Amino acid sequence: MSSHDLTYQEAFAELQAIVRELEEGCVDIDALIAKVQRASFLYRFLRQRLRSTEEEIESILKEGHDATPPQ
């Protein structure tokens, strides 16, 4: 699944599953690097989505504030 098809909820659930596997020691040593790389990608993806959403909300709120005439 590419990052274009990935939703925030899917990425978060996958990251949680990887973290749980790592904490429980369920990851085969041969798969460890791939799991850590995927977790790193998911973390960056989630962080970027949050930042983008925050910036968009701030922009919307600013536009709404600027459009409201003073009383």
N, C-alpha and C. Protein backbone atom coordinates (compact mmCIF):
# COMPACT_ATOMS: atom_id res chain seq x y z
N MET A 1 0.85 -1.17 0.00
CA MET A 1 0.00 0.00 0.00
C MET A 1 0.90 1.24 0.00
N SER A 2 0.65 2.11 -0.97
CA SER A 2 1.44 3.32 -1.04
C SER A 2 0.87 4.37 -0.09
N SER A 3 1.64 5.41 0.13
CA SER A 3 1.17 6.46 1.04
C SER A 3 -0.03 7.20 0.46
N HIS A 4 -0.24 7.12 -0.87
CA HIS A 4 -1.40 7.77 -1.49
C HIS A 4 -2.70 7.06 -1.12
N ASP A 5 -2.63 5.77 -0.87
CA ASP A 5 -3.82 4.98 -0.54
C ASP A 5 -4.03 4.86 0.97
N LEU A 6 -3.10 5.34 1.75
CA LEU A 6 -3.10 5.14 3.19
C LEU A 6 -3.90 6.23 3.89
N THR A 7 -4.83 5.82 4.75
CA THR A 7 -5.56 6.80 5.55
C THR A 7 -4.84 6.97 6.88
N TYR A 8 -5.20 8.03 7.57
CA TYR A 8 -4.60 8.28 8.88
C TYR A 8 -4.91 7.10 9.82
N GLN A 9 -6.17 6.66 9.83
CA GLN A 9 -6.57 5.58 10.73
C GLN A 9 -5.82 4.28 10.42
N GLU A 10 -5.65 3.97 9.15
CA GLU A 10 -4.93 2.77 8.76
C GLU A 10 -3.47 2.83 9.19
N ALA A 11 -2.85 3.98 8.95
CA ALA A 11 -1.44 4.15 9.33
C ALA A 11 -1.27 4.06 10.83
N PHE A 12 -2.17 4.68 11.57
CA PHE A 12 -2.09 4.65 13.04
C PHE A 12 -2.26 3.23 13.56
N ALA A 13 -3.23 2.51 13.02
CA ALA A 13 -3.47 1.12 13.45
C ALA A 13 -2.26 0.23 13.13
N GLU A 14 -1.68 0.42 11.95
CA GLU A 14 -0.51 -0.37 11.58
C GLU A 14 0.68 -0.06 12.48
N LEU A 15 0.88 1.22 12.76
CA LEU A 15 1.98 1.60 13.65
C LEU A 15 1.79 1.00 15.05
N GLN A 16 0.56 1.07 15.55
CA GLN A 16 0.27 0.47 16.86
C GLN A 16 0.56 -1.03 16.85
N ALA A 17 0.21 -1.72 15.79
CA ALA A 17 0.45 -3.16 15.70
C ALA A 17 1.95 -3.46 15.69
N ILE A 18 2.72 -2.67 14.96
CA ILE A 18 4.17 -2.88 14.92
C ILE A 18 4.77 -2.64 16.29
N VAL A 19 4.37 -1.55 16.95
CA VAL A 19 4.89 -1.25 18.28
C VAL A 19 4.55 -2.38 19.24
N ARG A 20 3.33 -2.88 19.18
CA ARG A 20 2.92 -3.99 20.05
C ARG A 20 3.79 -5.22 19.80
N GLU A 21 4.04 -5.54 18.51
CA GLU A 21 4.90 -6.68 18.17
C GLU A 21 6.31 -6.48 18.73
N LEU A 22 6.84 -5.27 18.59
CA LEU A 22 8.19 -5.00 19.08
C LEU A 22 8.25 -5.09 20.61
N GLU A 23 7.23 -4.55 21.28
CA GLU A 23 7.21 -4.59 22.75
C GLU A 23 7.08 -6.02 23.26
N GLU A 24 6.33 -6.83 22.55
CA GLU A 24 6.11 -8.21 22.99
C GLU A 24 7.24 -9.14 22.55
N GLY A 25 8.14 -8.63 21.73
CA GLY A 25 9.25 -9.45 21.26
C GLY A 25 8.82 -10.49 20.25
N CYS A 26 7.76 -10.21 19.51
CA CYS A 26 7.21 -11.16 18.54
C CYS A 26 7.82 -11.04 17.15
N VAL A 27 8.76 -10.14 16.97
CA VAL A 27 9.31 -9.91 15.65
C VAL A 27 10.55 -10.78 15.45
N ASP A 28 10.51 -11.54 14.38
CA ASP A 28 11.66 -12.35 14.00
C ASP A 28 12.82 -11.42 13.68
N ILE A 29 13.99 -11.77 14.10
CA ILE A 29 15.16 -10.92 13.91
C ILE A 29 15.39 -10.60 12.44
N ASP A 30 15.01 -11.52 11.55
CA ASP A 30 15.18 -11.27 10.12
C ASP A 30 14.21 -10.21 9.60
N ALA A 31 13.10 -10.00 10.29
CA ALA A 31 12.11 -9.02 9.88
C ALA A 31 12.22 -7.70 10.65
N LEU A 32 13.11 -7.65 11.62
CA LEU A 32 13.21 -6.50 12.50
C LEU A 32 13.50 -5.20 11.76
N ILE A 33 14.48 -5.21 10.87
CA ILE A 33 14.84 -3.99 10.15
C ILE A 33 13.67 -3.49 9.32
N ALA A 34 12.99 -4.38 8.62
CA ALA A 34 11.84 -3.99 7.80
C ALA A 34 10.73 -3.41 8.67
N LYS A 35 10.49 -3.99 9.84
CA LYS A 35 9.45 -3.48 10.74
C LYS A 35 9.81 -2.09 11.25
N VAL A 36 11.05 -1.88 11.62
CA VAL A 36 11.48 -0.58 12.12
C VAL A 36 11.43 0.46 11.00
N GLN A 37 11.81 0.09 9.79
CA GLN A 37 11.73 1.02 8.67
C GLN A 37 10.27 1.40 8.39
N ARG A 38 9.37 0.42 8.42
CA ARG A 38 7.95 0.70 8.18
C ARG A 38 7.39 1.59 9.29
N ALA A 39 7.75 1.30 10.52
CA ALA A 39 7.30 2.12 11.65
C ALA A 39 7.79 3.55 11.50
N SER A 40 9.02 3.73 11.06
CA SER A 40 9.57 5.06 10.85
C SER A 40 8.80 5.79 9.75
N PHE A 41 8.51 5.11 8.66
CA PHE A 41 7.73 5.70 7.58
C PHE A 41 6.34 6.11 8.08
N LEU A 42 5.67 5.22 8.81
CA LEU A 42 4.33 5.50 9.31
C LEU A 42 4.34 6.69 10.27
N TYR A 43 5.34 6.76 11.13
CA TYR A 43 5.46 7.88 12.07
C TYR A 43 5.58 9.20 11.31
N ARG A 44 6.46 9.24 10.31
CA ARG A 44 6.63 10.47 9.52
C ARG A 44 5.35 10.82 8.76
N PHE A 45 4.68 9.82 8.21
CA PHE A 45 3.42 10.03 7.50
C PHE A 45 2.37 10.63 8.44
N LEU A 46 2.22 10.06 9.62
CA LEU A 46 1.24 10.55 10.58
C LEU A 46 1.56 11.96 11.05
N ARG A 47 2.82 12.21 11.33
CA ARG A 47 3.24 13.54 11.78
C ARG A 47 2.96 14.58 10.71
N GLN A 48 3.23 14.26 9.45
CA GLN A 48 2.98 15.19 8.36
C GLN A 48 1.49 15.45 8.17
N ARG A 49 0.68 14.40 8.28
CA ARG A 49 -0.78 14.57 8.15
C ARG A 49 -1.31 15.48 9.26
N LEU A 50 -0.81 15.29 10.47
CA LEU A 50 -1.23 16.15 11.58
C LEU A 50 -0.84 17.60 11.33
N ARG A 51 0.39 17.82 10.89
CA ARG A 51 0.86 19.19 10.61
C ARG A 51 0.04 19.83 9.50
N SER A 52 -0.21 19.09 8.44
CA SER A 52 -1.00 19.63 7.33
C SER A 52 -2.41 19.99 7.78
N THR A 53 -3.00 19.11 8.57
CA THR A 53 -4.35 19.37 9.06
C THR A 53 -4.37 20.59 9.96
N GLU A 54 -3.39 20.70 10.84
CA GLU A 54 -3.32 21.85 11.73
C GLU A 54 -3.16 23.15 10.94
N GLU A 55 -2.31 23.15 9.92
CA GLU A 55 -2.10 24.34 9.11
C GLU A 55 -3.38 24.72 8.37
N GLU A 56 -4.08 23.72 7.85
CA GLU A 56 -5.32 23.99 7.12
C GLU A 56 -6.39 24.56 8.05
N ILE A 57 -6.50 24.00 9.24
CA ILE A 57 -7.48 24.51 10.22
C ILE A 57 -7.14 25.95 10.61
N GLU A 58 -5.86 26.22 10.86
CA GLU A 58 -5.45 27.58 11.21
C GLU A 58 -5.78 28.55 10.08
N SER A 59 -5.58 28.13 8.85
CA SER A 59 -5.88 28.97 7.70
C SER A 59 -7.39 29.25 7.61
N ILE A 60 -8.19 28.22 7.81
CA ILE A 60 -9.65 28.38 7.77
C ILE A 60 -10.11 29.33 8.87
N LEU A 61 -9.57 29.14 10.07
CA LEU A 61 -9.96 29.99 11.18
C LEU A 61 -9.53 31.43 10.96
N LYS A 62 -8.36 31.61 10.39
CA LYS A 62 -7.87 32.96 10.11
C LYS A 62 -8.75 33.63 9.07
N GLU A 63 -9.11 32.91 8.01
CA GLU A 63 -9.99 33.46 6.98
C GLU A 63 -11.33 33.83 7.59
N GLY A 64 -11.86 32.98 8.43
CA GLY A 64 -13.14 33.25 9.07
C GLY A 64 -13.06 34.45 9.99
N HIS A 65 -11.95 34.59 10.70
CA HIS A 65 -11.76 35.71 11.61
C HIS A 65 -11.64 37.01 10.84
N ASP A 66 -10.88 36.97 9.73
CA ASP A 66 -10.68 38.17 8.93
C ASP A 66 -11.95 38.61 8.22
N ALA A 67 -12.84 37.66 7.94
CA ALA A 67 -14.07 37.99 7.21
C ALA A 67 -15.17 38.51 8.11
N THR A 68 -15.02 38.35 9.43
CA THR A 68 -16.05 38.79 10.36
C THR A 68 -15.86 40.27 10.67
N PRO A 69 -16.87 41.10 10.37
CA PRO A 69 -16.71 42.53 10.65
C PRO A 69 -16.79 42.79 12.16
N PRO A 70 -16.05 43.76 12.64
CA PRO A 70 -16.10 44.09 14.07
C PRO A 70 -17.47 44.65 14.43
N GLN A 71 -17.88 44.40 15.65
CA GLN A 71 -19.20 44.87 16.10
C GLN A 71 -19.08 46.05 16.99
